[in-house]
Amino acid sequence: MGALDGRIAVITGAGRGIGREHALLFAKEGAKIVVNDLGGAADGEGADATPAQQVVNEIKALGGEAVANYDDIADWEGGQRLINTAIETFGDIHVLVNNAGILRDRVIANMTAEEWDAVIRVHLRGHFVPTRWAAAYWREQAKSGKTVNASIINTSSTSGLLSNPGQSNYGAAKTGIATFTEIIDKELRKYGVRANAIAPAALTRLTAPLGGRLSEKPEGFDKGDPGNISPMVAYLAMADCPIHGKAFFVYGGEVHLFQPYTIVDKVAVDHRWSVSELKAAADKWGDIEWNQSIPM
C-alpha cells in the first residue's frame, strides 16, 4: 500500500529537478500523475517536450501510470487543458502541485520590465491559473453532492519569505504565493480542499548559478539532493493529512514551519499623530534587525 494510492495528481514543472522528484515519488506511492512541463530553459525561453515525456517513461517503467502535458501553466486555456488532462485521462483530480518556475535575476536598478513580467507571470500567474481551474472543478463536485478530499501544494521560496538581493521579481512572486496559499485555503476548505506551501532548498539547474553544485556528491547524506523535498509534498498530498494553510521551509532532513506576518510592537496615542510625535515614538524601530538567516 502506498501513501497516495488512488490519488490523481497534476504536478507542474515536473520534467526536471524538484518537480521530477515529486512525480517519481508520487508514482512510487501509488498516485497517477499528469507530468506537466513546457520544457523551457531556466530563464523560460524555448520549449521541449522531451523532459516531461522522459519522466512519464520512467514512471511507466516503474509500473506506474502517468501522462505528459506540455501546456504553458500561465496561459488561461493552457491551464484549463492541464486540469482537464487529469480528469479526462484518469477520471478525477485530487492533488495539484504548483512547482514550475524560472529565474531572471537582476538588481532592481538594472532590471527590465520584461525580466520582471516574465518571472511574475510564470510563478504568480502560473500558480493562479491551474489553481483556478482545479478550484472550479472541485467546487462543482462539492455542490453536486460528491465528497471532495483535495490538496494543493504551492511552491514559495526563502528568496521571498526571507528576502534575497538580486531577486526582487522572484522574491515578490514567491512571497505572493505564500499569501495566495493562505487565502485559497480559507476559501476552498468548505469544498473539501486544503492548501499549503513549501519553500524548498535544493541543488537544481536553477540554483546552480547561485553557488550550488549539481555534480560532486558529498559523502553520506546529500542535503542538497532535490529528492529530499518530495516526501513532505507527498505527505501534504495524502488524503488524511490534517495540515492546511501553512508554509514550510524544507531542506535535507529538516522541515521548518513558518509563521506568517504578525504584529510584534506598536506605538499609540489618543489623537491624530503629528510627524514630530511619530519621529519621537517610532525612531526606535530603525535599530531592529530581523533574523532572516536560512537554517542550513
Foldseek 3Di string as FASTA:
>chain_A
DALQAPAEEEFAPCLDFLNVLLLQNNQVRHYEYEYEAQCADQARDDGDQPSSVVSQVVSVVVVGHYHYQNFQLLDQVSLLVRLVVRCVVPNHHAEYEQDDFHADFAAPVPDDPVRLVSRLSNQQSSLVRNVVNNLVVLQVCVVVPHQHAHEYEYEAALCQVLNDGRGPSNNVSRVVVLVVQLVVQVVRVVSNYAYEYEHEAADTPRCVVVPDDDDDADPDFGQRRSSQPNVVVSLRGGSPNPDGSWYWYTTRPDIHTDDPDDDDDDDDDPDDDDPVNCCVVPVVVVPDDDPSDDPD
